[in-house]
Amino acid sequence: MLKFRAAFAVLVSVCVLAACDDAPPAPQATAPVVKKDDPPPKVASLAKDMVAAVPANRASNVITVHFALRAPPTVNMPLPVEVAIVPHHKFASVRVHFESQDGLPASTGADFGPVTDVESETTLLHQLVLLPSKEGMFMVTSSVETDGEDGSVTRIFSIPVIVAPATK
């Protein structure tokens, strides 16, 4: 009989300890309430082959720069670069200056703007043409100047370009 009482005590203890680990059920996630009167948020449309330029800081929540090379980067061949500037806030004005390294000068489109009264999620398109004069890896730096609620702010983005030797 003593064995049964000991076994029963152990069983009760295990059940009590097992019950201590039970956490309350997790609250169920609910979908956010969307009013039918709210317009859907605007989203900028970009070409599918565009990629984001590399921001020097955390500027991507304020404004982004995207680009697409429209030809293979080759020595002595013009390189058209399609650029899209997408502000994620409203700005009084947006201006961009593109600067490249020696070996990859800009032939046209080194400056863009100023564009005034820029709405959030508006795609601002620009054409930049580079003239690679030697092979190698280069960076095109874009300085994006905005005037808005934060005052006048300059944000830096980099566009990497790898130039191949001229074909013979």
C-alpha atoms as a PDB file:
ATOM      1  CA  MET A   1       0.000   0.000   0.000  1.00  0.00           C
ATOM      2  CA  LEU A   2       2.922   2.335   0.724  1.00  0.00           C
ATOM      3  CA  LYS A   3       4.157   1.833  -2.839  1.00  0.00           C
ATOM      4  CA  PHE A   4       0.798   2.934  -4.244  1.00  0.00           C
ATOM      5  CA  ARG A   5       0.728   6.069  -2.057  1.00  0.00           C
ATOM      6  CA  ALA A   6       4.279   6.978  -3.121  1.00  0.00           C
ATOM      7  CA  ALA A   7       3.476   6.354  -6.776  1.00  0.00           C
ATOM      8  CA  PHE A   8       0.256   8.392  -6.443  1.00  0.00           C
ATOM      9  CA  ALA A   9       2.194  11.262  -4.794  1.00  0.00           C
ATOM     10  CA  VAL A  10       4.785  11.213  -7.577  1.00  0.00           C
ATOM     11  CA  LEU A  11       2.026  11.199 -10.210  1.00  0.00           C
ATOM     12  CA  VAL A  12       0.256  14.144  -8.571  1.00  0.00           C
ATOM     13  CA  SER A  13       3.546  16.053  -8.300  1.00  0.00           C
ATOM     14  CA  VAL A  14       4.364  15.476 -11.986  1.00  0.00           C
ATOM     15  CA  CYS A  15       0.876  16.634 -12.995  1.00  0.00           C
ATOM     16  CA  VAL A  16       1.186  19.778 -10.867  1.00  0.00           C
ATOM     17  CA  LEU A  17       4.624  20.573 -12.297  1.00  0.00           C
ATOM     18  CA  ALA A  18       3.421  19.937 -15.853  1.00  0.00           C
ATOM     19  CA  ALA A  19       0.487  22.279 -15.312  1.00  0.00           C
ATOM     20  CA  CYS A  20       2.854  25.046 -14.170  1.00  0.00           C
ATOM     21  CA  ASP A  21       4.386  25.230 -17.643  1.00  0.00           C
ATOM     22  CA  ASP A  22       1.077  25.886 -19.349  1.00  0.00           C
ATOM     23  CA  ALA A  23       1.129  29.426 -20.687  1.00  0.00           C
ATOM     24  CA  PRO A  24      -2.091  31.279 -21.303  1.00  0.00           C
ATOM     25  CA  PRO A  25      -3.276  30.971 -24.903  1.00  0.00           C
ATOM     26  CA  ALA A  26      -1.694  33.512 -27.243  1.00  0.00           C
ATOM     27  CA  PRO A  27      -4.028  36.296 -28.318  1.00  0.00           C
ATOM     28  CA  GLN A  28      -5.246  35.857 -31.854  1.00  0.00           C
ATOM     29  CA  ALA A  29      -4.025  38.437 -34.349  1.00  0.00           C
ATOM     30  CA  THR A  30      -6.799  40.517 -35.795  1.00  0.00           C
ATOM     31  CA  ALA A  31      -6.756  42.230 -39.132  1.00  0.00           C
ATOM     32  CA  PRO A  32      -6.418  46.017 -39.000  1.00  0.00           C
ATOM     33  CA  VAL A  33      -9.643  47.883 -39.476  1.00  0.00           C
ATOM     34  CA  VAL A  34      -9.777  49.616 -42.838  1.00  0.00           C
ATOM     35  CA  LYS A  35     -12.401  52.226 -43.420  1.00  0.00           C
ATOM     36  CA  LYS A  36     -14.041  52.055 -46.804  1.00  0.00           C
ATOM     37  CA  ASP A  37     -13.629  55.814 -47.185  1.00  0.00           C
ATOM     38  CA  ASP A  38      -9.817  55.681 -46.867  1.00  0.00           C
ATOM     39  CA  PRO A  39      -8.095  55.838 -50.263  1.00  0.00           C
ATOM     40  CA  PRO A  40      -5.491  53.140 -50.921  1.00  0.00           C
ATOM     41  CA  PRO A  41      -1.904  54.342 -50.345  1.00  0.00           C
ATOM     42  CA  LYS A  42      -0.050  55.572 -53.408  1.00  0.00           C
ATOM     43  CA  VAL A  43       2.837  53.421 -54.516  1.00  0.00           C
ATOM     44  CA  ALA A  44       5.404  54.537 -57.055  1.00  0.00           C
ATOM     45  CA  SER A  45       5.679  52.370 -60.149  1.00  0.00           C
ATOM     46  CA  LEU A  46       9.135  51.449 -61.407  1.00  0.00           C
ATOM     47  CA  ALA A  47      10.406  49.409 -64.316  1.00  0.00           C
ATOM     48  CA  LYS A  48      10.966  45.795 -63.259  1.00  0.00           C
ATOM     49  CA  ASP A  49      14.668  45.882 -64.168  1.00  0.00           C
ATOM     50  CA  MET A  50      15.467  48.846 -61.916  1.00  0.00           C
ATOM     51  CA  VAL A  51      17.551  48.304 -58.799  1.00  0.00           C
ATOM     52  CA  ALA A  52      18.017  50.545 -55.778  1.00  0.00           C
ATOM     53  CA  ALA A  53      21.100  52.726 -55.508  1.00  0.00           C
ATOM     54  CA  VAL A  54      23.053  52.266 -52.284  1.00  0.00           C
ATOM     55  CA  PRO A  55      22.228  54.952 -49.681  1.00  0.00           C
ATOM     56  CA  ALA A  56      25.083  56.390 -47.596  1.00  0.00           C
ATOM     57  CA  ASN A  57      22.790  56.438 -44.556  1.00  0.00           C
ATOM     58  CA  ARG A  58      19.234  55.467 -43.691  1.00  0.00           C
ATOM     59  CA  ALA A  59      17.660  57.699 -46.284  1.00  0.00           C
ATOM     60  CA  SER A  60      15.555  54.989 -47.919  1.00  0.00           C
ATOM     61  CA  ASN A  61      12.521  55.739 -45.747  1.00  0.00           C
ATOM     62  CA  VAL A  62      12.591  59.369 -46.943  1.00  0.00           C
ATOM     63  CA  ILE A  63      13.638  59.131 -50.598  1.00  0.00           C
ATOM     64  CA  THR A  64      15.095  56.421 -52.827  1.00  0.00           C
ATOM     65  CA  VAL A  65      17.076  56.372 -56.053  1.00  0.00           C
ATOM     66  CA  HIS A  66      16.712  53.491 -58.514  1.00  0.00           C
ATOM     67  CA  PHE A  67      18.589  52.864 -61.747  1.00  0.00           C
ATOM     68  CA  ALA A  68      18.830  50.585 -64.765  1.00  0.00           C
ATOM     69  CA  LEU A  69      21.757  50.350 -67.175  1.00  0.00           C
ATOM     70  CA  ARG A  70      20.353  50.398 -70.711  1.00  0.00           C
ATOM     71  CA  ALA A  71      23.475  48.915 -72.356  1.00  0.00           C
ATOM     72  CA  PRO A  72      26.379  46.735 -71.238  1.00  0.00           C
ATOM     73  CA  PRO A  73      29.061  48.971 -69.665  1.00  0.00           C
ATOM     74  CA  THR A  74      31.859  48.825 -72.251  1.00  0.00           C
ATOM     75  CA  VAL A  75      34.920  51.035 -72.798  1.00  0.00           C
ATOM     76  CA  ASN A  76      34.383  53.779 -75.429  1.00  0.00           C
ATOM     77  CA  MET A  77      30.643  53.044 -75.722  1.00  0.00           C
ATOM     78  CA  PRO A  78      27.991  55.464 -74.411  1.00  0.00           C
ATOM     79  CA  LEU A  79      26.201  54.034 -71.394  1.00  0.00           C
ATOM     80  CA  PRO A  80      22.605  55.240 -70.951  1.00  0.00           C
ATOM     81  CA  VAL A  81      21.407  54.995 -67.355  1.00  0.00           C
ATOM     82  CA  GLU A  82      17.728  55.380 -66.548  1.00  0.00           C
ATOM     83  CA  VAL A  83      17.282  56.883 -63.075  1.00  0.00           C
ATOM     84  CA  ALA A  84      14.121  57.082 -60.978  1.00  0.00           C
ATOM     85  CA  ILE A  85      13.963  59.247 -57.853  1.00  0.00           C
ATOM     86  CA  VAL A  86      11.099  58.274 -55.542  1.00  0.00           C
ATOM     87  CA  PRO A  87      10.301  60.569 -52.590  1.00  0.00           C
ATOM     88  CA  HIS A  88       8.408  58.914 -49.744  1.00  0.00           C
ATOM     89  CA  HIS A  89       7.438  62.293 -48.266  1.00  0.00           C
ATOM     90  CA  LYS A  90       6.137  65.492 -49.780  1.00  0.00           C
ATOM     91  CA  PHE A  91       8.882  68.025 -50.635  1.00  0.00           C
ATOM     92  CA  ALA A  92       8.858  71.648 -51.730  1.00  0.00           C
ATOM     93  CA  SER A  93      11.702  70.808 -54.137  1.00  0.00           C
ATOM     94  CA  VAL A  94      14.004  67.970 -55.195  1.00  0.00           C
ATOM     95  CA  ARG A  95      17.309  68.433 -57.009  1.00  0.00           C
ATOM     96  CA  VAL A  96      19.922  65.775 -57.893  1.00  0.00           C
ATOM     97  CA  HIS A  97      23.551  66.066 -58.978  1.00  0.00           C
ATOM     98  CA  PHE A  98      25.408  63.045 -60.385  1.00  0.00           C
ATOM     99  CA  GLU A  99      29.179  62.878 -60.072  1.00  0.00           C
ATOM    100  CA  SER A 100      31.346  60.098 -61.433  1.00  0.00           C
ATOM    101  CA  GLN A 101      34.964  59.082 -61.111  1.00  0.00           C
ATOM    102  CA  ASP A 102      37.709  59.630 -63.635  1.00  0.00           C
ATOM    103  CA  GLY A 103      37.264  56.968 -66.292  1.00  0.00           C
ATOM    104  CA  LEU A 104      33.474  57.217 -66.264  1.00  0.00           C
ATOM    105  CA  PRO A 105      32.527  60.833 -67.051  1.00  0.00           C
ATOM    106  CA  ALA A 106      28.929  61.901 -67.556  1.00  0.00           C
ATOM    107  CA  SER A 107      28.285  63.241 -71.056  1.00  0.00           C
ATOM    108  CA  THR A 108      24.704  64.365 -70.396  1.00  0.00           C
ATOM    109  CA  GLY A 109      22.333  64.481 -67.454  1.00  0.00           C
ATOM    110  CA  ALA A 110      24.752  65.313 -64.625  1.00  0.00           C
ATOM    111  CA  ASP A 111      22.065  67.550 -63.065  1.00  0.00           C
ATOM    112  CA  PHE A 112      18.358  66.997 -62.493  1.00  0.00           C
ATOM    113  CA  GLY A 113      15.861  69.570 -61.298  1.00  0.00           C
ATOM    114  CA  PRO A 114      14.918  71.363 -59.263  1.00  0.00           C
ATOM    115  CA  VAL A 115      11.426  69.923 -59.397  1.00  0.00           C
ATOM    116  CA  THR A 116       8.985  71.768 -57.142  1.00  0.00           C
ATOM    117  CA  ASP A 117       5.878  70.688 -55.210  1.00  0.00           C
ATOM    118  CA  VAL A 118       6.827  66.994 -55.269  1.00  0.00           C
ATOM    119  CA  GLU A 119       4.182  64.642 -53.895  1.00  0.00           C
ATOM    120  CA  SER A 120       4.961  61.483 -51.954  1.00  0.00           C
ATOM    121  CA  GLU A 121       5.438  58.309 -54.050  1.00  0.00           C
ATOM    122  CA  THR A 122       5.792  60.265 -57.285  1.00  0.00           C
ATOM    123  CA  THR A 123       8.320  58.740 -59.684  1.00  0.00           C
ATOM    124  CA  LEU A 124      10.731  61.356 -61.055  1.00  0.00           C
ATOM    125  CA  LEU A 125      12.485  59.968 -64.151  1.00  0.00           C
ATOM    126  CA  HIS A 126      15.882  61.115 -65.426  1.00  0.00           C
ATOM    127  CA  GLN A 127      18.281  60.021 -68.162  1.00  0.00           C
ATOM    128  CA  LEU A 128      22.033  59.996 -67.448  1.00  0.00           C
ATOM    129  CA  VAL A 129      24.584  59.095 -70.135  1.00  0.00           C
ATOM    130  CA  LEU A 130      28.072  57.999 -69.092  1.00  0.00           C
ATOM    131  CA  LEU A 131      31.135  57.608 -71.347  1.00  0.00           C
ATOM    132  CA  PRO A 132      33.411  54.857 -69.973  1.00  0.00           C
ATOM    133  CA  SER A 133      37.009  55.545 -71.006  1.00  0.00           C
ATOM    134  CA  LYS A 134      38.670  52.634 -69.204  1.00  0.00           C
ATOM    135  CA  GLU A 135      37.712  49.312 -67.696  1.00  0.00           C
ATOM    136  CA  GLY A 136      37.217  48.792 -63.981  1.00  0.00           C
ATOM    137  CA  MET A 137      34.720  49.265 -61.190  1.00  0.00           C
ATOM    138  CA  PHE A 138      33.375  52.778 -60.697  1.00  0.00           C
ATOM    139  CA  MET A 139      30.883  54.558 -58.460  1.00  0.00           C
ATOM    140  CA  VAL A 140      28.506  57.243 -59.629  1.00  0.00           C
ATOM    141  CA  THR A 141      27.521  59.377 -56.645  1.00  0.00           C
ATOM    142  CA  SER A 142      24.141  61.053 -56.627  1.00  0.00           C
ATOM    143  CA  SER A 143      23.584  63.928 -54.208  1.00  0.00           C
ATOM    144  CA  VAL A 144      19.857  64.330 -53.650  1.00  0.00           C
ATOM    145  CA  GLU A 145      18.935  67.724 -52.204  1.00  0.00           C
ATOM    146  CA  THR A 146      15.449  68.079 -50.759  1.00  0.00           C
ATOM    147  CA  ASP A 147      13.626  71.038 -49.274  1.00  0.00           C
ATOM    148  CA  GLY A 148      10.769  70.093 -46.994  1.00  0.00           C
ATOM    149  CA  GLU A 149       9.558  69.943 -43.390  1.00  0.00           C
ATOM    150  CA  ASP A 150      13.066  68.925 -42.236  1.00  0.00           C
ATOM    151  CA  GLY A 151      14.614  71.943 -43.952  1.00  0.00           C
ATOM    152  CA  SER A 152      17.199  71.568 -46.692  1.00  0.00           C
ATOM    153  CA  VAL A 153      18.805  68.107 -46.558  1.00  0.00           C
ATOM    154  CA  THR A 154      21.328  66.407 -48.865  1.00  0.00           C
ATOM    155  CA  ARG A 155      21.313  62.615 -49.064  1.00  0.00           C
ATOM    156  CA  ILE A 156      23.977  60.582 -50.873  1.00  0.00           C
ATOM    157  CA  PHE A 157      23.406  57.456 -52.985  1.00  0.00           C
ATOM    158  CA  SER A 158      25.926  55.353 -54.940  1.00  0.00           C
ATOM    159  CA  ILE A 159      25.451  53.605 -58.263  1.00  0.00           C
ATOM    160  CA  PRO A 160      28.080  50.899 -58.922  1.00  0.00           C
ATOM    161  CA  VAL A 161      29.175  50.334 -62.527  1.00  0.00           C
ATOM    162  CA  ILE A 162      31.610  47.657 -63.723  1.00  0.00           C
ATOM    163  CA  VAL A 163      33.038  48.522 -67.150  1.00  0.00           C
ATOM    164  CA  ALA A 164      34.266  45.717 -69.425  1.00  0.00           C
ATOM    165  CA  PRO A 165      37.086  46.116 -71.943  1.00  0.00           C
ATOM    166  CA  ALA A 166      36.195  47.219 -75.474  1.00  0.00           C
ATOM    167  CA  THR A 167      35.216  44.387 -77.791  1.00  0.00           C
ATOM    168  CA  LYS A 168      37.444  43.803 -80.783  1.00  0.00           C
END
